[in-house]
Amino acid sequence: MRAVCRLCGIEKNASDFTKHIAAGPLALWNLRRCKACTHSDYLARRNEPELYAAMVQASRNWKANNRQRHAELAREYRARHPEKVMAQNRLNYAIRKGRVIRQPCEVCGTEDRVHAHHKSYRPEDWYAVRWLCFVCHKIEHTEAQ
């Protein structure tokens, strides 16, 4: 299946597009932006101080105005995914202690908002991670579905 990116206007394979999880299955009507445009758009917004500050402030405002809902969502996540929470906590502790060093994104090379992507949450794999920036990590998870 092929589609045209709404930003760059280039026709590409469906695998070159990001999938919007909430929008349903990977279908032509669900293909909006190619991965390259999504990533460059994010980096442009992230590097614009006013836009970045507005994004951060909007997030802080929502959390401040919805403390109970935010806490409830966090509790639900921890209850649904105890193995993920344990792996994330152990890795974060190792990073804080200097036993593991955060690396640049393996896909695009940026050092901005780099996440650790666990392939498995078994104890022996807690530290076997791929380093991906926020956008590449999101793409990795949408491709896996």
N, C-alpha and C. Protein backbone atom coordinates (compact mmCIF):
# COMPACT_ATOMS: atom_id res chain seq x y z
N MET A 1 0.85 -1.18 0.00
CA MET A 1 0.00 0.00 0.00
C MET A 1 0.90 1.24 0.00
N ARG A 2 0.55 2.21 -0.78
CA ARG A 2 1.30 3.46 -0.89
C ARG A 2 0.38 4.63 -0.55
N ALA A 3 0.98 5.69 -0.01
CA ALA A 3 0.22 6.89 0.34
C ALA A 3 1.11 8.11 0.15
N VAL A 4 0.49 9.28 0.14
CA VAL A 4 1.22 10.53 -0.03
C VAL A 4 1.28 11.24 1.32
N CYS A 5 2.48 11.65 1.71
CA CYS A 5 2.67 12.40 2.96
C CYS A 5 2.03 13.77 2.81
N ARG A 6 1.29 14.17 3.83
CA ARG A 6 0.59 15.47 3.77
C ARG A 6 1.55 16.64 3.98
N LEU A 7 2.77 16.38 4.46
CA LEU A 7 3.72 17.48 4.65
C LEU A 7 4.67 17.63 3.48
N CYS A 8 5.34 16.55 3.09
CA CYS A 8 6.33 16.66 2.00
C CYS A 8 5.72 16.39 0.63
N GLY A 9 4.53 15.77 0.57
CA GLY A 9 3.86 15.51 -0.69
C GLY A 9 4.44 14.38 -1.51
N ILE A 10 5.34 13.59 -0.92
CA ILE A 10 5.98 12.49 -1.64
C ILE A 10 5.21 11.19 -1.39
N GLU A 11 5.00 10.42 -2.45
CA GLU A 11 4.33 9.13 -2.32
C GLU A 11 5.33 8.12 -1.78
N LYS A 12 4.92 7.40 -0.71
CA LYS A 12 5.80 6.44 -0.05
C LYS A 12 5.02 5.19 0.33
N ASN A 13 5.76 4.15 0.71
CA ASN A 13 5.13 2.92 1.20
C ASN A 13 4.48 3.18 2.55
N ALA A 14 3.47 2.41 2.90
CA ALA A 14 2.78 2.56 4.18
C ALA A 14 3.74 2.37 5.34
N SER A 15 4.77 1.54 5.18
CA SER A 15 5.72 1.30 6.26
C SER A 15 6.57 2.54 6.56
N ASP A 16 6.56 3.53 5.67
CA ASP A 16 7.33 4.76 5.88
C ASP A 16 6.53 5.82 6.64
N PHE A 17 5.33 5.47 7.09
CA PHE A 17 4.47 6.40 7.81
C PHE A 17 4.34 6.00 9.27
N THR A 18 4.07 7.02 10.11
CA THR A 18 3.78 6.74 11.51
C THR A 18 2.31 6.40 11.62
N LYS A 19 2.00 5.48 12.51
CA LYS A 19 0.61 5.08 12.72
C LYS A 19 0.09 5.81 13.95
N HIS A 20 -1.05 6.42 13.82
CA HIS A 20 -1.69 7.07 14.96
C HIS A 20 -2.53 6.01 15.67
N ILE A 21 -2.06 5.58 16.83
CA ILE A 21 -2.66 4.46 17.55
C ILE A 21 -4.15 4.68 17.79
N ALA A 22 -4.52 5.88 18.24
CA ALA A 22 -5.92 6.14 18.57
C ALA A 22 -6.81 6.17 17.34
N ALA A 23 -6.22 6.34 16.16
CA ALA A 23 -7.02 6.49 14.95
C ALA A 23 -7.41 5.16 14.32
N GLY A 24 -6.93 4.05 14.84
CA GLY A 24 -7.35 2.77 14.31
C GLY A 24 -6.28 2.08 13.49
N PRO A 25 -6.69 1.17 12.63
CA PRO A 25 -5.73 0.34 11.89
C PRO A 25 -4.92 1.13 10.87
N LEU A 26 -3.85 0.50 10.41
CA LEU A 26 -3.00 1.12 9.40
C LEU A 26 -3.73 1.06 8.07
N ALA A 27 -4.40 2.14 7.71
CA ALA A 27 -5.17 2.23 6.48
C ALA A 27 -4.85 3.57 5.82
N LEU A 28 -5.19 3.72 4.57
CA LEU A 28 -4.87 4.96 3.85
C LEU A 28 -5.37 6.21 4.58
N TRP A 29 -6.56 6.16 5.16
CA TRP A 29 -7.10 7.33 5.83
C TRP A 29 -6.34 7.65 7.11
N ASN A 30 -5.56 6.69 7.61
CA ASN A 30 -4.83 6.88 8.85
C ASN A 30 -3.38 7.32 8.61
N LEU A 31 -2.93 7.36 7.36
CA LEU A 31 -1.56 7.73 7.06
C LEU A 31 -1.48 9.22 6.78
N ARG A 32 -0.89 9.97 7.69
CA ARG A 32 -0.86 11.41 7.55
C ARG A 32 0.53 11.93 7.22
N ARG A 33 1.49 11.60 8.07
CA ARG A 33 2.85 12.11 7.91
C ARG A 33 3.82 10.95 7.81
N CYS A 34 4.83 11.10 6.94
CA CYS A 34 5.87 10.08 6.89
C CYS A 34 6.76 10.23 8.13
N LYS A 35 7.51 9.20 8.42
CA LYS A 35 8.37 9.20 9.61
C LYS A 35 9.40 10.32 9.55
N ALA A 36 9.95 10.58 8.38
CA ALA A 36 10.97 11.62 8.24
C ALA A 36 10.38 13.00 8.56
N CYS A 37 9.19 13.28 8.06
CA CYS A 37 8.54 14.58 8.33
C CYS A 37 8.15 14.70 9.80
N THR A 38 7.65 13.62 10.37
CA THR A 38 7.27 13.63 11.78
C THR A 38 8.47 13.96 12.64
N HIS A 39 9.59 13.32 12.35
CA HIS A 39 10.80 13.53 13.15
C HIS A 39 11.35 14.93 12.97
N SER A 40 11.44 15.42 11.73
CA SER A 40 11.99 16.76 11.50
C SER A 40 11.06 17.83 12.07
N ASP A 41 9.75 17.60 12.01
CA ASP A 41 8.78 18.54 12.59
C ASP A 41 8.95 18.61 14.10
N TYR A 42 9.11 17.45 14.74
CA TYR A 42 9.32 17.42 16.19
C TYR A 42 10.60 18.16 16.56
N LEU A 43 11.70 17.87 15.85
CA LEU A 43 12.97 18.52 16.17
C LEU A 43 12.89 20.02 15.98
N ALA A 44 12.17 20.48 14.97
CA ALA A 44 12.01 21.92 14.74
C ALA A 44 11.24 22.56 15.90
N ARG A 45 10.16 21.91 16.35
CA ARG A 45 9.40 22.44 17.49
C ARG A 45 10.22 22.40 18.76
N ARG A 46 10.98 21.32 18.92
CA ARG A 46 11.78 21.13 20.14
C ARG A 46 12.90 22.17 20.22
N ASN A 47 13.43 22.58 19.08
CA ASN A 47 14.54 23.54 19.07
C ASN A 47 14.08 24.99 19.09
N GLU A 48 12.78 25.22 19.02
CA GLU A 48 12.23 26.58 19.08
C GLU A 48 11.91 26.88 20.54
N PRO A 49 12.68 27.74 21.21
CA PRO A 49 12.52 27.93 22.66
C PRO A 49 11.10 28.31 23.09
N GLU A 50 10.43 29.16 22.32
CA GLU A 50 9.08 29.58 22.71
C GLU A 50 8.09 28.42 22.62
N LEU A 51 8.18 27.65 21.53
CA LEU A 51 7.27 26.50 21.37
C LEU A 51 7.54 25.43 22.42
N TYR A 52 8.82 25.17 22.68
CA TYR A 52 9.17 24.17 23.68
C TYR A 52 8.68 24.60 25.06
N ALA A 53 8.89 25.86 25.40
CA ALA A 53 8.44 26.36 26.69
C ALA A 53 6.91 26.26 26.82
N ALA A 54 6.21 26.54 25.74
CA ALA A 54 4.75 26.43 25.76
C ALA A 54 4.31 24.98 25.94
N MET A 55 5.00 24.04 25.28
CA MET A 55 4.67 22.61 25.44
C MET A 55 4.90 22.16 26.87
N VAL A 56 6.03 22.55 27.45
CA VAL A 56 6.36 22.17 28.83
C VAL A 56 5.35 22.78 29.79
N GLN A 57 5.02 24.05 29.60
CA GLN A 57 4.08 24.72 30.49
C GLN A 57 2.68 24.11 30.40
N ALA A 58 2.25 23.74 29.19
CA ALA A 58 0.94 23.10 29.04
C ALA A 58 0.90 21.78 29.79
N SER A 59 1.98 21.02 29.73
CA SER A 59 2.04 19.76 30.45
C SER A 59 2.00 19.99 31.96
N ARG A 60 2.76 20.95 32.43
CA ARG A 60 2.78 21.27 33.87
C ARG A 60 1.41 21.74 34.34
N ASN A 61 0.76 22.58 33.54
CA ASN A 61 -0.56 23.08 33.91
C ASN A 61 -1.57 21.94 34.03
N TRP A 62 -1.54 21.01 33.07
CA TRP A 62 -2.48 19.90 33.13
C TRP A 62 -2.24 19.07 34.39
N LYS A 63 -0.98 18.77 34.67
CA LYS A 63 -0.67 17.98 35.86
C LYS A 63 -1.08 18.70 37.14
N ALA A 64 -0.86 20.02 37.20
CA ALA A 64 -1.23 20.79 38.38
C ALA A 64 -2.74 20.86 38.55
N ASN A 65 -3.48 20.96 37.45
CA ASN A 65 -4.93 21.07 37.51
C ASN A 65 -5.63 19.71 37.62
N ASN A 66 -4.89 18.64 37.39
CA ASN A 66 -5.48 17.29 37.41
C ASN A 66 -4.63 16.34 38.24
N ARG A 67 -4.25 16.77 39.45
CA ARG A 67 -3.36 15.96 40.28
C ARG A 67 -3.92 14.56 40.56
N GLN A 68 -5.17 14.49 40.90
CA GLN A 68 -5.76 13.18 41.22
C GLN A 68 -5.80 12.30 39.98
N ARG A 69 -6.18 12.84 38.85
CA ARG A 69 -6.25 12.05 37.62
C ARG A 69 -4.85 11.58 37.21
N HIS A 70 -3.86 12.47 37.34
CA HIS A 70 -2.49 12.10 37.01
C HIS A 70 -2.00 10.97 37.92
N ALA A 71 -2.28 11.07 39.22
CA ALA A 71 -1.88 10.03 40.16
C ALA A 71 -2.61 8.71 39.86
N GLU A 72 -3.88 8.83 39.51
CA GLU A 72 -4.67 7.63 39.17
C GLU A 72 -4.11 6.94 37.93
N LEU A 73 -3.77 7.72 36.92
CA LEU A 73 -3.18 7.14 35.70
C LEU A 73 -1.86 6.46 36.00
N ALA A 74 -1.04 7.07 36.85
CA ALA A 74 0.25 6.48 37.23
C ALA A 74 0.03 5.17 37.99
N ARG A 75 -0.92 5.15 38.91
CA ARG A 75 -1.23 3.91 39.67
C ARG A 75 -1.71 2.81 38.75
N GLU A 76 -2.59 3.16 37.82
CA GLU A 76 -3.10 2.16 36.88
C GLU A 76 -1.98 1.59 36.02
N TYR A 77 -1.07 2.45 35.56
CA TYR A 77 0.05 1.98 34.74
C TYR A 77 0.92 1.02 35.55
N ARG A 78 1.26 1.40 36.79
CA ARG A 78 2.10 0.54 37.63
C ARG A 78 1.42 -0.80 37.92
N ALA A 79 0.11 -0.80 38.09
CA ALA A 79 -0.62 -2.04 38.35
C ALA A 79 -0.68 -2.93 37.11
N ARG A 80 -0.83 -2.33 35.94
CA ARG A 80 -0.91 -3.10 34.69
C ARG A 80 0.44 -3.63 34.23
N HIS A 81 1.51 -2.90 34.54
CA HIS A 81 2.83 -3.25 34.00
C HIS A 81 3.91 -3.31 35.09
N PRO A 82 3.78 -4.17 36.09
CA PRO A 82 4.79 -4.19 37.16
C PRO A 82 6.19 -4.57 36.67
N GLU A 83 6.27 -5.44 35.65
CA GLU A 83 7.58 -5.84 35.15
C GLU A 83 8.27 -4.69 34.42
N LYS A 84 7.50 -3.86 33.71
CA LYS A 84 8.07 -2.70 33.02
C LYS A 84 8.57 -1.68 34.05
N VAL A 85 7.76 -1.44 35.06
CA VAL A 85 8.13 -0.46 36.09
C VAL A 85 9.41 -0.90 36.80
N MET A 86 9.53 -2.19 37.11
CA MET A 86 10.72 -2.70 37.77
C MET A 86 11.95 -2.52 36.88
N ALA A 87 11.85 -2.87 35.60
CA ALA A 87 12.98 -2.73 34.68
C ALA A 87 13.37 -1.26 34.52
N GLN A 88 12.38 -0.37 34.40
CA GLN A 88 12.66 1.05 34.25
C GLN A 88 13.32 1.61 35.51
N ASN A 89 12.81 1.22 36.67
CA ASN A 89 13.38 1.71 37.92
C ASN A 89 14.82 1.24 38.11
N ARG A 90 15.08 -0.03 37.82
CA ARG A 90 16.44 -0.56 37.97
C ARG A 90 17.41 0.13 37.01
N LEU A 91 16.97 0.34 35.77
CA LEU A 91 17.84 1.01 34.80
C LEU A 91 18.08 2.46 35.20
N ASN A 92 17.04 3.16 35.64
CA ASN A 92 17.21 4.55 36.06
C ASN A 92 18.15 4.66 37.26
N TYR A 93 18.08 3.71 38.17
CA TYR A 93 18.98 3.70 39.32
C TYR A 93 20.43 3.51 38.85
N ALA A 94 20.63 2.59 37.91
CA ALA A 94 21.98 2.36 37.37
C ALA A 94 22.51 3.60 36.65
N ILE A 95 21.64 4.33 35.98
CA ILE A 95 22.05 5.57 35.30
C ILE A 95 22.45 6.61 36.34
N ARG A 96 21.64 6.77 37.38
CA ARG A 96 21.96 7.75 38.43
C ARG A 96 23.28 7.43 39.12
N LYS A 97 23.56 6.16 39.32
CA LYS A 97 24.80 5.74 39.99
C LYS A 97 26.00 5.72 39.06
N GLY A 98 25.78 5.95 37.76
CA GLY A 98 26.87 5.99 36.80
C GLY A 98 27.28 4.62 36.29
N ARG A 99 26.52 3.60 36.57
CA ARG A 99 26.85 2.24 36.10
C ARG A 99 26.45 2.04 34.65
N VAL A 100 25.47 2.81 34.19
CA VAL A 100 25.03 2.78 32.80
C VAL A 100 25.07 4.22 32.30
N ILE A 101 25.61 4.42 31.12
CA ILE A 101 25.70 5.76 30.53
C ILE A 101 24.67 5.89 29.41
N ARG A 102 23.88 6.95 29.51
CA ARG A 102 22.88 7.22 28.47
C ARG A 102 23.60 7.58 27.17
N GLN A 103 23.18 6.98 26.07
CA GLN A 103 23.81 7.15 24.77
C GLN A 103 22.93 8.00 23.85
N PRO A 104 23.47 8.52 22.74
CA PRO A 104 22.63 9.23 21.76
C PRO A 104 21.69 8.24 21.07
N CYS A 105 20.68 8.76 20.41
CA CYS A 105 19.71 7.94 19.69
C CYS A 105 20.43 7.10 18.63
N GLU A 106 20.13 5.80 18.61
CA GLU A 106 20.76 4.89 17.66
C GLU A 106 20.27 5.11 16.23
N VAL A 107 19.11 5.75 16.06
CA VAL A 107 18.53 5.94 14.74
C VAL A 107 18.96 7.28 14.14
N CYS A 108 18.73 8.37 14.87
CA CYS A 108 18.99 9.69 14.29
C CYS A 108 20.19 10.41 14.91
N GLY A 109 20.72 9.91 16.01
CA GLY A 109 21.92 10.48 16.61
C GLY A 109 21.71 11.64 17.55
N THR A 110 20.47 12.09 17.74
CA THR A 110 20.23 13.22 18.64
C THR A 110 20.48 12.80 20.10
N GLU A 111 20.82 13.76 20.92
CA GLU A 111 21.02 13.50 22.35
C GLU A 111 19.88 14.09 23.16
N ASP A 112 18.84 14.54 22.48
CA ASP A 112 17.70 15.21 23.11
C ASP A 112 16.61 14.20 23.45
N ARG A 113 16.22 14.14 24.70
CA ARG A 113 15.14 13.28 25.19
C ARG A 113 15.33 11.82 24.74
N VAL A 114 16.46 11.25 25.09
CA VAL A 114 16.77 9.88 24.70
C VAL A 114 16.19 8.93 25.75
N HIS A 115 15.47 7.91 25.27
CA HIS A 115 14.85 6.90 26.12
C HIS A 115 15.56 5.57 25.94
N ALA A 116 15.42 4.72 26.93
CA ALA A 116 15.93 3.35 26.82
C ALA A 116 14.77 2.46 26.37
N HIS A 117 14.96 1.75 25.27
CA HIS A 117 13.93 0.85 24.77
C HIS A 117 14.30 -0.57 25.15
N HIS A 118 13.49 -1.18 26.03
CA HIS A 118 13.70 -2.55 26.46
C HIS A 118 13.08 -3.51 25.46
N LYS A 119 13.84 -4.46 25.00
CA LYS A 119 13.29 -5.50 24.12
C LYS A 119 12.53 -6.52 24.96
N SER A 120 13.01 -6.72 26.19
CA SER A 120 12.38 -7.66 27.11
C SER A 120 12.47 -7.08 28.52
N TYR A 121 11.55 -7.44 29.36
CA TYR A 121 11.54 -6.93 30.74
C TYR A 121 11.97 -7.98 31.75
N ARG A 122 12.58 -9.06 31.26
CA ARG A 122 13.11 -10.09 32.17
C ARG A 122 14.30 -9.50 32.92
N PRO A 123 14.55 -9.93 34.16
CA PRO A 123 15.66 -9.37 34.95
C PRO A 123 17.01 -9.43 34.24
N GLU A 124 17.27 -10.47 33.49
CA GLU A 124 18.57 -10.57 32.80
C GLU A 124 18.68 -9.57 31.64
N ASP A 125 17.56 -8.98 31.22
CA ASP A 125 17.58 -8.02 30.11
C ASP A 125 17.34 -6.58 30.56
N TRP A 126 17.35 -6.31 31.84
CA TRP A 126 17.05 -4.96 32.33
C TRP A 126 18.00 -3.91 31.76
N TYR A 127 19.25 -4.29 31.53
CA TYR A 127 20.24 -3.32 31.07
C TYR A 127 20.57 -3.47 29.59
N ALA A 128 19.94 -4.42 28.91
CA ALA A 128 20.14 -4.62 27.48
C ALA A 128 19.09 -3.79 26.75
N VAL A 129 19.43 -2.53 26.47
CA VAL A 129 18.46 -1.60 25.89
C VAL A 129 19.00 -0.98 24.61
N ARG A 130 18.09 -0.47 23.80
CA ARG A 130 18.44 0.37 22.65
C ARG A 130 18.14 1.80 23.07
N TRP A 131 19.04 2.71 22.74
CA TRP A 131 18.84 4.12 23.08
C TRP A 131 18.17 4.80 21.90
N LEU A 132 16.95 5.32 22.14
CA LEU A 132 16.15 5.97 21.09
C LEU A 132 15.61 7.29 21.60
N CYS A 133 15.61 8.31 20.75
CA CYS A 133 15.00 9.58 21.15
C CYS A 133 13.48 9.38 21.25
N PHE A 134 12.80 10.37 21.80
CA PHE A 134 11.36 10.28 22.01
C PHE A 134 10.61 9.89 20.75
N VAL A 135 10.93 10.55 19.64
CA VAL A 135 10.21 10.30 18.39
C VAL A 135 10.52 8.92 17.84
N CYS A 136 11.80 8.55 17.79
CA CYS A 136 12.17 7.24 17.26
C CYS A 136 11.62 6.12 18.15
N HIS A 137 11.55 6.36 19.46
CA HIS A 137 10.98 5.38 20.38
C HIS A 137 9.49 5.18 20.10
N LYS A 138 8.80 6.28 19.87
CA LYS A 138 7.37 6.21 19.55
C LYS A 138 7.16 5.45 18.24
N ILE A 139 8.00 5.72 17.25
CA ILE A 139 7.91 5.04 15.97
C ILE A 139 8.18 3.55 16.15
N GLU A 140 9.16 3.21 16.96
CA GLU A 140 9.49 1.81 17.23
C GLU A 140 8.27 1.06 17.79
N HIS A 141 7.56 1.69 18.71
CA HIS A 141 6.39 1.03 19.31
C HIS A 141 5.21 0.96 18.34
N THR A 142 5.03 1.97 17.50
CA THR A 142 3.91 1.91 16.57
C THR A 142 4.17 0.90 15.46
N GLU A 143 5.44 0.70 15.08
CA GLU A 143 5.76 -0.31 14.07
C GLU A 143 5.58 -1.72 14.63
N ALA A 144 5.78 -1.89 15.93
CA ALA A 144 5.68 -3.21 16.55
C ALA A 144 4.24 -3.70 16.60
N GLN A 145 3.28 -2.79 16.47
CA GLN A 145 1.88 -3.20 16.59
C GLN A 145 1.31 -3.63 15.28
